[in-house]
Amino acid sequence: MGAVTSTFIAGVELFKKGLGLPIGSLTQMQTMRLGKRYENRNPLIRDFVPLAELKDLVFGGWDLFSDSMWEASLKAGVLERWQIEPVRSALEAIKPMRAVSDSAYVRNLKGNHIKKGKNKWELAQQVMEDIREFKKKSGADRLVMLWCGSTEVLPERSEVHESLAAFEQGLKNDDPDIPPSMIYAYAAIKSGVPYGNGAPNLSADIPALVELSEVTGAPICGKDFKTGQTLMKTTLAPMLRARMLALRGWYSTNILGNRDGEVLDDPGSFRTKEKSKVSVLDSILDSKLYPELYGKYYHKVRIDYYPPRGDAKEGWDNIDIAGWLGMPMQIKINFLCRDSILAAPIVLDLVLFLDLAKRAGLKGIQEWLSFYFKSPQCREDLKPEHDLFIQHLKLKNTLRLLMGEEVLDHSGLDYYDPEKGLVPSAPPPRPAKKTKKQRAPSSVA
């Protein structure tokens, strides 16, 4: 219930009053093309898909600190006091429940608003009771849980993660390989509540909780909100691959001063984040398919905690590329972004889309929501899709399918040869190979 959550909640409460625009939110501001281009059907996503309305959203959550949303907003310093003053009473009314915490997994935060229990099973039962109580007191018909908490030290996958039976026994045995985020994920999924993971933690991305999500019908997705530097990588890397430009090296460094930066100042938490940020290039560029272009590039990621910067993160990228005949070129990026400002619309969209998925009868992993994540959760036998543009098409096509509309492939063939449609009657013939005697003299026209 820190910077990201308080920014998100304050924004929604302001929108309810007609103050401000939900910029960055696909559900609220983006249109959907339906059918052929000449039909000119381009409704807003929120008008096309039966999403919950902003006026119907109510909020609750857990935190290591007892600050109300008003106090958390002021301390985070993302929004100015004058901006959130119109919704002060709504923010003051939201007080966090006691959190599940384990200092072995988040070393740089020492909270004072912590649950106690004899083992992790008991803590999970307490979280599930919180869920039931919140639903009762708030009057909400349906719930969605999103992890907007800190980056944990990444545990190694172990036996306790491999099956639901082993996981539940691990909770009872207080297994050290079960971090707090997994306890929250278990509690949500066990309660049939859709769950999304905004951090690079394993969280629900283990066979045990995927199994549980299939049993209870809870949609799940993650991991790690795609906000600043990685958003740029998943935009630029597809361009390099599309144009077959070689990559020699990509150096990325960030400075930020919010609580996220403080947590990532711990090497264990940083390694979890680094793994999430580094993986996107390998997936998009695919060195096995293009070894000459992407087989030997150097990729370095740094994150430095710099308190004066607060939530205003700055990312620098130096990208060394090569073109025709291997000639070197460079791209430089300096992205002065605001972490929570970019994350808040992601939270809103995921809340609404996960609720939609639940009502549509979708369960288990929702790979169509990979657009929002640095390290998208997918089936174990598949590689995650990181290309931002493919992710975007996948998301919109899923909405088209849910609403009974035609899926778009953008080939455009049917506009110019409507009798043949999208598939030609036969593939074009290959050019005939010439013998040495037939071959023309070498020349350049």
Protein backbone atom coordinates (compact mmCIF):
# COMPACT_ATOMS: atom_id res chain seq x y z
CA MET A 1 0.00 0.00 0.00
CA GLY A 2 2.94 2.31 -0.72
CA ALA A 3 3.82 4.59 -3.65
CA VAL A 4 2.25 2.62 -6.52
CA THR A 5 -0.95 1.71 -4.67
CA SER A 6 -1.52 5.15 -3.15
CA THR A 7 -0.95 6.80 -6.55
CA PHE A 8 -3.38 4.37 -8.19
CA ILE A 9 -6.10 4.75 -5.55
CA ALA A 10 -5.77 8.56 -5.40
CA GLY A 11 -6.08 8.68 -9.19
CA VAL A 12 -9.22 6.55 -9.30
CA GLU A 13 -10.84 8.58 -6.51
CA LEU A 14 -10.04 11.77 -8.42
CA PHE A 15 -11.46 10.33 -11.66
CA LYS A 16 -14.68 9.51 -9.80
CA LYS A 17 -14.99 13.24 -9.14
CA GLY A 18 -14.23 14.17 -12.74
CA LEU A 19 -10.79 15.48 -11.83
CA GLY A 20 -7.93 14.48 -14.12
CA LEU A 21 -7.55 11.98 -16.93
CA PRO A 22 -6.52 8.28 -16.63
CA ILE A 23 -3.65 8.78 -19.07
CA GLY A 24 -1.76 5.55 -19.75
CA SER A 25 -4.77 3.30 -19.23
CA LEU A 26 -5.80 1.20 -22.22
CA THR A 27 -9.13 0.30 -20.65
CA GLN A 28 -10.11 3.94 -20.24
CA MET A 29 -8.50 5.76 -23.17
CA GLN A 30 -7.68 3.36 -26.02
CA THR A 31 -9.93 2.39 -28.90
CA MET A 32 -10.39 -1.01 -30.58
CA ARG A 33 -10.55 -1.46 -34.34
CA LEU A 34 -13.30 -3.94 -35.22
CA GLY A 35 -13.75 -5.54 -38.63
CA LYS A 36 -12.37 -4.05 -41.86
CA ARG A 37 -10.66 -0.67 -41.91
CA TYR A 38 -13.34 0.82 -44.17
CA GLU A 39 -16.04 -0.04 -41.60
CA ASN A 40 -14.62 2.65 -39.29
CA ARG A 41 -15.69 0.82 -36.12
CA ASN A 42 -13.31 2.04 -33.41
CA PRO A 43 -15.04 1.99 -30.02
CA LEU A 44 -13.22 2.70 -26.77
CA ILE A 45 -12.22 -0.54 -25.06
CA ARG A 46 -14.37 0.37 -22.05
CA ASP A 47 -17.39 0.77 -24.33
CA PHE A 48 -16.70 -2.43 -26.28
CA VAL A 49 -15.94 -4.78 -23.37
CA PRO A 50 -18.19 -5.13 -20.28
CA LEU A 51 -15.68 -3.88 -17.71
CA ALA A 52 -16.41 -2.80 -14.16
CA GLU A 53 -16.89 0.97 -13.87
CA LEU A 54 -14.48 3.15 -11.91
CA LYS A 55 -17.28 4.39 -9.66
CA ASP A 56 -17.78 0.82 -8.41
CA LEU A 57 -14.18 0.21 -7.28
CA VAL A 58 -13.39 0.02 -3.55
CA PHE A 59 -9.96 -0.56 -2.07
CA GLY A 60 -8.18 -2.39 0.71
CA GLY A 61 -4.85 -4.08 1.30
CA TRP A 62 -1.95 -4.90 3.57
CA ASP A 63 1.24 -3.07 4.51
CA LEU A 64 4.24 -3.35 6.79
CA PHE A 65 3.43 0.16 8.00
CA SER A 66 0.14 1.38 9.49
CA ASP A 67 -0.07 4.61 7.45
CA SER A 68 -3.43 5.39 5.88
CA MET A 69 -3.51 5.95 2.12
CA TRP A 70 -3.43 9.69 2.77
CA GLU A 71 -0.27 9.42 4.85
CA ALA A 72 1.28 6.94 2.41
CA SER A 73 0.58 9.33 -0.49
CA LEU A 74 2.25 12.25 1.28
CA LYS A 75 5.30 10.19 2.24
CA ALA A 76 5.66 8.73 -1.26
CA GLY A 77 5.66 12.26 -2.70
CA VAL A 78 4.54 11.10 -6.15
CA LEU A 79 1.53 13.44 -6.26
CA GLU A 80 1.48 16.93 -4.80
CA ARG A 81 -0.63 17.59 -1.70
CA TRP A 82 -2.85 20.04 -3.60
CA GLN A 83 -3.56 17.35 -6.22
CA ILE A 84 -4.91 14.82 -3.74
CA GLU A 85 -6.57 17.24 -1.29
CA PRO A 86 -10.01 16.80 -2.98
CA VAL A 87 -9.97 13.08 -2.09
CA ARG A 88 -8.35 13.36 1.34
CA SER A 89 -11.31 11.88 3.22
CA ALA A 90 -11.47 8.85 0.90
CA LEU A 91 -7.74 8.22 1.32
CA GLU A 92 -7.78 8.70 5.09
CA ALA A 93 -10.53 6.08 5.36
CA ILE A 94 -8.31 3.38 3.79
CA LYS A 95 -6.09 1.85 6.46
CA PRO A 96 -3.97 -1.21 5.71
CA MET A 97 -4.35 -4.59 7.37
CA ARG A 98 -1.34 -6.12 9.08
CA ALA A 99 1.11 -7.63 6.60
CA VAL A 100 2.87 -10.96 6.27
CA SER A 101 6.58 -10.25 6.45
CA ASP A 102 9.88 -12.13 6.39
CA SER A 103 13.11 -10.13 6.70
CA ALA A 104 15.01 -12.93 4.94
CA TYR A 105 13.22 -11.94 1.72
CA VAL A 106 13.12 -8.12 2.00
CA ARG A 107 16.13 -7.10 4.07
CA ASN A 108 16.04 -3.31 3.82
CA LEU A 109 12.51 -2.74 5.17
CA LYS A 110 11.74 -3.04 8.87
CA GLY A 111 7.98 -2.81 9.33
CA ASN A 112 5.98 -2.51 12.54
CA HIS A 113 2.54 -3.60 11.30
CA ILE A 114 3.11 -7.35 11.04
CA LYS A 115 0.96 -10.46 11.41
CA LYS A 116 1.99 -13.17 13.87
CA GLY A 117 1.32 -16.89 13.52
CA LYS A 118 2.88 -20.16 14.55
CA ASN A 119 3.59 -21.07 10.91
CA LYS A 120 2.96 -19.93 7.33
CA TRP A 121 -0.22 -21.99 7.09
CA GLU A 122 -1.71 -19.96 9.93
CA LEU A 123 -0.59 -16.71 8.27
CA ALA A 124 -2.29 -17.78 5.02
CA GLN A 125 -5.51 -18.49 6.95
CA GLN A 126 -5.31 -14.99 8.46
CA VAL A 127 -4.96 -13.44 4.99
CA MET A 128 -7.96 -15.44 3.74
CA GLU A 129 -9.96 -14.23 6.73
CA ASP A 130 -8.92 -10.65 5.84
CA ILE A 131 -10.23 -11.24 2.31
CA ARG A 132 -13.59 -12.51 3.59
CA GLU A 133 -13.89 -9.65 6.07
CA PHE A 134 -12.99 -7.00 3.50
CA LYS A 135 -15.57 -8.33 1.06
CA LYS A 136 -18.23 -8.29 3.78
CA LYS A 137 -17.44 -4.80 5.09
CA SER A 138 -16.90 -3.16 1.68
CA GLY A 139 -19.98 -4.67 0.07
CA ALA A 140 -17.93 -5.65 -3.00
CA ASP A 141 -19.45 -8.35 -5.20
CA ARG A 142 -16.09 -9.46 -6.63
CA LEU A 143 -12.44 -9.10 -5.68
CA VAL A 144 -9.07 -8.86 -7.42
CA MET A 145 -5.68 -8.97 -5.66
CA LEU A 146 -2.53 -7.35 -7.09
CA TRP A 147 0.90 -7.57 -5.53
CA CYS A 148 2.29 -4.02 -5.59
CA GLY A 149 4.81 -4.77 -2.86
CA SER A 150 8.58 -4.96 -2.75
CA THR A 151 10.99 -7.12 -4.72
CA GLU A 152 11.89 -10.21 -2.71
CA VAL A 153 15.09 -12.20 -2.75
CA LEU A 154 14.35 -14.88 -5.33
CA PRO A 155 14.16 -18.39 -3.85
CA GLU A 156 15.40 -21.35 -5.85
CA ARG A 157 12.60 -23.53 -7.21
CA SER A 158 12.35 -26.49 -4.83
CA GLU A 159 10.17 -29.52 -4.15
CA VAL A 160 7.73 -27.45 -2.11
CA HIS A 161 6.80 -25.46 -5.25
CA GLU A 162 6.13 -28.44 -7.52
CA SER A 163 2.65 -29.53 -6.40
CA LEU A 164 -0.27 -28.15 -4.43
CA ALA A 165 -0.04 -30.94 -1.86
CA ALA A 166 3.67 -30.25 -1.28
CA PHE A 167 3.04 -26.50 -1.06
CA GLU A 168 0.26 -26.80 1.52
CA GLN A 169 2.41 -29.14 3.58
CA GLY A 170 5.24 -26.63 3.24
CA LEU A 171 3.01 -23.89 4.68
CA LYS A 172 2.31 -26.11 7.68
CA ASN A 173 6.02 -26.95 8.03
CA ASP A 174 7.01 -23.25 7.84
CA ASP A 175 9.17 -24.04 4.81
CA PRO A 176 11.82 -21.31 4.28
CA ASP A 177 11.36 -21.53 0.48
CA ILE A 178 7.89 -19.96 0.72
CA PRO A 179 8.22 -16.13 0.74
CA PRO A 180 5.45 -13.71 1.80
CA SER A 181 4.26 -13.03 -1.78
CA MET A 182 3.48 -16.74 -2.22
CA ILE A 183 1.39 -16.69 0.96
CA TYR A 184 -0.70 -13.82 -0.42
CA ALA A 185 -0.95 -15.54 -3.81
CA TYR A 186 -2.07 -18.78 -2.19
CA ALA A 187 -4.67 -16.98 -0.06
CA ALA A 188 -6.12 -15.15 -3.08
CA ILE A 189 -6.17 -18.13 -5.44
CA LYS A 190 -7.52 -20.48 -2.77
CA SER A 191 -10.34 -17.96 -2.26
CA GLY A 192 -11.04 -17.94 -6.02
CA VAL A 193 -9.79 -14.34 -6.29
CA PRO A 194 -7.88 -13.35 -9.48
CA TYR A 195 -4.23 -12.59 -8.68
CA GLY A 196 -1.66 -10.46 -10.50
CA ASN A 197 2.01 -10.08 -9.52
CA GLY A 198 3.56 -6.65 -10.12
CA ALA A 199 7.04 -7.57 -8.82
CA PRO A 200 9.68 -9.97 -10.22
CA ASN A 201 9.05 -12.37 -7.29
CA LEU A 202 8.13 -15.95 -8.16
CA SER A 203 4.84 -15.46 -6.32
CA ALA A 204 2.20 -17.43 -8.29
CA ASP A 205 4.64 -18.54 -11.00
CA ILE A 206 5.13 -22.04 -9.60
CA PRO A 207 3.41 -25.30 -10.58
CA ALA A 208 1.67 -25.59 -7.19
CA LEU A 209 -0.20 -22.30 -7.52
CA VAL A 210 -0.89 -22.73 -11.23
CA GLU A 211 -2.49 -26.07 -10.26
CA LEU A 212 -4.54 -24.34 -7.57
CA SER A 213 -5.69 -21.63 -10.00
CA GLU A 214 -7.04 -24.30 -12.34
CA VAL A 215 -8.93 -25.94 -9.46
CA THR A 216 -10.49 -22.75 -8.06
CA GLY A 217 -11.00 -21.01 -11.42
CA ALA A 218 -8.88 -17.98 -10.47
CA PRO A 219 -7.14 -16.13 -13.32
CA ILE A 220 -3.47 -15.34 -12.58
CA CYS A 221 -0.81 -13.24 -14.31
CA GLY A 222 2.59 -11.61 -13.73
CA LYS A 223 5.48 -10.84 -13.29
CA ASP A 224 6.92 -7.35 -12.71
CA PHE A 225 5.11 -4.27 -14.04
CA LYS A 226 6.71 -3.04 -17.27
CA THR A 227 7.14 0.68 -16.66
CA GLY A 228 10.38 2.50 -17.50
CA GLN A 229 13.58 1.17 -18.97
CA THR A 230 12.24 -2.27 -19.88
CA LEU A 231 9.30 -0.65 -21.65
CA MET A 232 11.87 1.07 -23.86
CA LYS A 233 13.77 -2.20 -24.42
CA THR A 234 10.68 -4.12 -25.50
CA THR A 235 9.91 -1.28 -27.91
CA LEU A 236 13.38 -0.84 -29.44
CA ALA A 237 14.58 -4.45 -29.54
CA PRO A 238 11.73 -5.52 -31.89
CA MET A 239 12.79 -2.71 -34.23
CA LEU A 240 16.39 -3.99 -34.30
CA ARG A 241 15.21 -7.52 -35.05
CA ALA A 242 12.62 -6.39 -37.61
CA ARG A 243 15.32 -4.47 -39.52
CA MET A 244 17.99 -7.15 -38.95
CA LEU A 245 20.34 -4.66 -37.30
CA ALA A 246 23.04 -6.28 -35.18
CA LEU A 247 23.39 -5.64 -31.45
CA ARG A 248 26.89 -5.44 -29.97
CA GLY A 249 26.10 -4.15 -26.48
CA TRP A 250 23.35 -2.64 -24.32
CA TYR A 251 24.31 -0.80 -21.13
CA SER A 252 21.46 0.27 -18.83
CA THR A 253 21.66 2.13 -15.55
CA ASN A 254 18.96 3.61 -13.32
CA ILE A 255 18.83 5.93 -10.35
CA LEU A 256 15.77 6.13 -8.13
CA GLY A 257 15.11 7.13 -4.56
CA ASN A 258 11.75 5.68 -3.54
CA ARG A 259 11.12 2.65 -1.32
CA ASP A 260 11.63 0.42 -4.35
CA GLY A 261 15.13 1.85 -4.72
CA GLU A 262 15.84 1.28 -1.04
CA VAL A 263 14.76 -2.36 -1.31
CA LEU A 264 16.81 -2.89 -4.49
CA ASP A 265 19.88 -1.53 -2.70
CA ASP A 266 20.09 -5.02 -1.20
CA PRO A 267 22.07 -7.31 -3.56
CA GLY A 268 19.62 -10.20 -3.13
CA SER A 269 16.59 -8.15 -4.16
CA PHE A 270 18.58 -6.54 -6.98
CA ARG A 271 19.49 -9.94 -8.46
CA THR A 272 15.77 -10.76 -8.65
CA LYS A 273 15.08 -7.50 -10.51
CA GLU A 274 18.16 -7.89 -12.73
CA LYS A 275 17.01 -11.33 -13.89
CA SER A 276 13.64 -9.85 -14.89
CA LYS A 277 15.17 -6.89 -16.75
CA VAL A 278 17.91 -8.85 -18.54
CA SER A 279 15.70 -11.64 -19.90
CA VAL A 280 13.72 -9.49 -22.34
CA LEU A 281 16.52 -8.98 -24.89
CA ASP A 282 17.44 -12.67 -25.07
CA SER A 283 13.82 -13.57 -25.77
CA ILE A 284 13.12 -10.89 -28.39
CA LEU A 285 16.39 -11.13 -30.32
CA ASP A 286 16.76 -14.94 -30.16
CA SER A 287 20.47 -15.50 -30.68
CA LYS A 288 19.91 -19.15 -31.70
CA LEU A 289 18.03 -18.04 -34.82
CA TYR A 290 20.36 -15.12 -35.57
CA PRO A 291 23.82 -15.94 -34.14
CA GLU A 292 25.63 -13.50 -36.47
CA LEU A 293 23.50 -10.58 -35.27
CA TYR A 294 22.76 -11.36 -31.63
CA GLY A 295 25.04 -14.21 -30.59
CA LYS A 296 27.66 -12.20 -28.71
CA TYR A 297 26.13 -8.94 -27.46
CA TYR A 298 27.04 -7.65 -23.99
CA HIS A 299 24.17 -6.65 -21.69
CA LYS A 300 24.72 -4.81 -18.42
CA VAL A 301 22.02 -3.54 -16.01
CA ARG A 302 22.59 -1.35 -12.95
CA ILE A 303 20.19 0.17 -10.41
CA ASP A 304 21.49 2.71 -7.90
CA TYR A 305 19.57 3.99 -4.88
CA TYR A 306 19.72 7.79 -4.87
CA PRO A 307 17.34 9.23 -2.22
CA PRO A 308 17.13 12.83 -3.54
CA ARG A 309 15.44 11.60 -6.73
CA GLY A 310 12.42 10.05 -4.95
CA ASP A 311 9.92 8.47 -7.33
CA ALA A 312 11.33 10.37 -10.33
CA LYS A 313 13.47 7.59 -11.78
CA GLU A 314 16.08 8.26 -14.43
CA GLY A 315 17.26 5.59 -16.85
CA TRP A 316 20.21 5.84 -19.23
CA ASP A 317 20.76 3.41 -22.07
CA ASN A 318 23.74 3.18 -24.39
CA ILE A 319 23.07 0.78 -27.27
CA ASP A 320 25.88 -0.24 -29.63
CA ILE A 321 24.53 -1.60 -32.90
CA ALA A 322 25.95 -2.48 -36.30
CA GLY A 323 24.53 -2.13 -39.81
CA TRP A 324 25.52 -2.82 -43.40
CA LEU A 325 29.00 -4.42 -43.59
CA GLY A 326 29.21 -4.35 -39.78
CA MET A 327 29.57 -0.57 -39.57
CA PRO A 328 29.06 0.60 -35.95
CA MET A 329 26.28 2.95 -34.81
CA GLN A 330 24.86 3.99 -31.44
CA ILE A 331 21.52 4.83 -29.84
CA LYS A 332 21.38 6.88 -26.63
CA ILE A 333 18.31 7.13 -24.41
CA ASN A 334 17.78 9.25 -21.32
CA PHE A 335 14.34 8.48 -19.89
CA LEU A 336 13.31 10.71 -17.00
CA CYS A 337 10.19 8.90 -15.89
CA ARG A 338 8.03 8.57 -12.80
CA ASP A 339 7.79 4.98 -11.67
CA SER A 340 4.43 5.09 -9.91
CA ILE A 341 2.85 7.35 -12.55
CA LEU A 342 3.64 4.70 -15.17
CA ALA A 343 2.60 1.82 -12.88
CA ALA A 344 -0.77 3.21 -11.73
CA PRO A 345 -2.58 2.81 -15.09
CA ILE A 346 -1.18 -0.72 -15.36
CA VAL A 347 -2.75 -1.53 -11.98
CA LEU A 348 -6.09 -0.13 -13.13
CA ASP A 349 -6.09 -2.11 -16.37
CA LEU A 350 -5.10 -5.35 -14.64
CA VAL A 351 -7.80 -4.95 -12.01
CA LEU A 352 -10.45 -4.53 -14.70
CA PHE A 353 -9.10 -7.19 -17.08
CA LEU A 354 -8.61 -9.81 -14.35
CA ASP A 355 -12.17 -9.21 -13.18
CA LEU A 356 -13.32 -9.57 -16.80
CA ALA A 357 -11.34 -12.83 -17.15
CA LYS A 358 -12.98 -14.26 -14.04
CA ARG A 359 -16.48 -13.38 -15.29
CA ALA A 360 -15.65 -14.81 -18.73
CA GLY A 361 -14.74 -18.17 -17.15
CA LEU A 362 -11.01 -17.87 -17.94
CA LYS A 363 -8.80 -19.55 -15.34
CA GLY A 364 -5.15 -20.17 -14.71
CA ILE A 365 -2.41 -18.23 -16.52
CA GLN A 366 -3.63 -15.22 -18.54
CA GLU A 367 -0.80 -14.84 -21.05
CA TRP A 368 -2.83 -12.28 -23.03
CA LEU A 369 -2.00 -9.80 -20.24
CA SER A 370 1.77 -10.14 -20.85
CA PHE A 371 1.70 -6.61 -22.35
CA TYR A 372 1.93 -5.24 -18.81
CA PHE A 373 4.87 -7.30 -17.51
CA LYS A 374 8.65 -7.46 -17.81
CA SER A 375 8.75 -11.22 -17.24
CA PRO A 376 5.39 -12.56 -18.41
CA GLN A 377 4.11 -15.74 -16.82
CA CYS A 378 3.33 -18.46 -19.36
CA ARG A 379 3.00 -22.22 -19.55
CA GLU A 380 6.22 -23.99 -18.54
CA ASP A 381 6.74 -25.57 -21.97
CA LEU A 382 6.51 -22.19 -23.73
CA LYS A 383 8.87 -19.24 -24.05
CA PRO A 384 7.39 -15.93 -22.84
CA GLU A 385 6.59 -13.33 -25.49
CA HIS A 386 8.38 -10.03 -24.79
CA ASP A 387 7.80 -8.08 -28.02
CA LEU A 388 5.57 -5.16 -26.97
CA PHE A 389 3.75 -5.05 -30.31
CA ILE A 390 2.97 -8.77 -30.40
CA GLN A 391 1.80 -8.53 -26.78
CA HIS A 392 -0.47 -5.62 -27.69
CA LEU A 393 -1.99 -7.52 -30.63
CA LYS A 394 -2.47 -10.61 -28.44
CA LEU A 395 -4.32 -8.54 -25.83
CA LYS A 396 -6.67 -6.90 -28.32
CA ASN A 397 -7.31 -10.11 -30.24
CA THR A 398 -8.26 -11.82 -26.98
CA LEU A 399 -10.81 -9.08 -26.33
CA ARG A 400 -12.13 -9.52 -29.90
CA LEU A 401 -12.48 -13.26 -29.35
CA LEU A 402 -14.27 -12.78 -26.03
CA MET A 403 -16.76 -10.44 -27.70
CA GLY A 404 -17.33 -12.59 -30.81
CA GLU A 405 -15.51 -10.26 -33.21
CA GLU A 406 -13.12 -11.18 -36.02
CA VAL A 407 -9.48 -11.58 -34.99
CA LEU A 408 -7.20 -9.25 -36.96
CA ASP A 409 -4.03 -10.37 -38.71
CA HIS A 410 -3.36 -7.11 -40.61
CA SER A 411 -2.24 -8.92 -43.79
CA GLY A 412 -4.53 -6.78 -45.96
CA LEU A 413 -4.65 -9.29 -48.84
CA ASP A 414 -8.43 -9.48 -48.79
CA TYR A 415 -8.73 -5.76 -49.59
CA TYR A 416 -7.03 -6.23 -52.96
CA ASP A 417 -8.09 -9.71 -54.05
CA PRO A 418 -11.42 -10.37 -52.34
CA GLU A 419 -12.12 -13.50 -54.41
CA LYS A 420 -9.07 -15.24 -53.02
CA GLY A 421 -9.47 -13.89 -49.51
CA LEU A 422 -6.55 -14.06 -47.12
CA VAL A 423 -5.07 -17.32 -48.47
CA PRO A 424 -3.93 -17.56 -52.13
CA SER A 425 -5.12 -20.68 -53.97
CA ALA A 426 -1.51 -21.87 -54.43
CA PRO A 427 1.91 -20.64 -53.31
CA PRO A 428 3.89 -18.71 -55.92
CA PRO A 429 6.29 -20.89 -57.95
CA ARG A 430 9.97 -20.81 -57.10
CA PRO A 431 12.25 -19.32 -59.77
CA ALA A 432 13.87 -21.99 -61.95
CA LYS A 433 17.49 -22.73 -61.14
CA LYS A 434 19.91 -22.01 -63.96
CA THR A 435 22.76 -24.30 -64.96
CA LYS A 436 26.27 -22.90 -65.25
CA LYS A 437 25.89 -22.56 -69.03
CA GLN A 438 22.59 -20.69 -68.67
CA ARG A 439 23.80 -18.39 -65.91
CA ALA A 440 24.29 -14.80 -67.05
CA PRO A 441 27.60 -12.98 -66.53
CA SER A 442 27.95 -11.38 -63.12
CA SER A 443 26.76 -7.78 -63.17
CA VAL A 444 25.07 -5.17 -61.04
CA ALA A 445 22.14 -3.19 -62.41
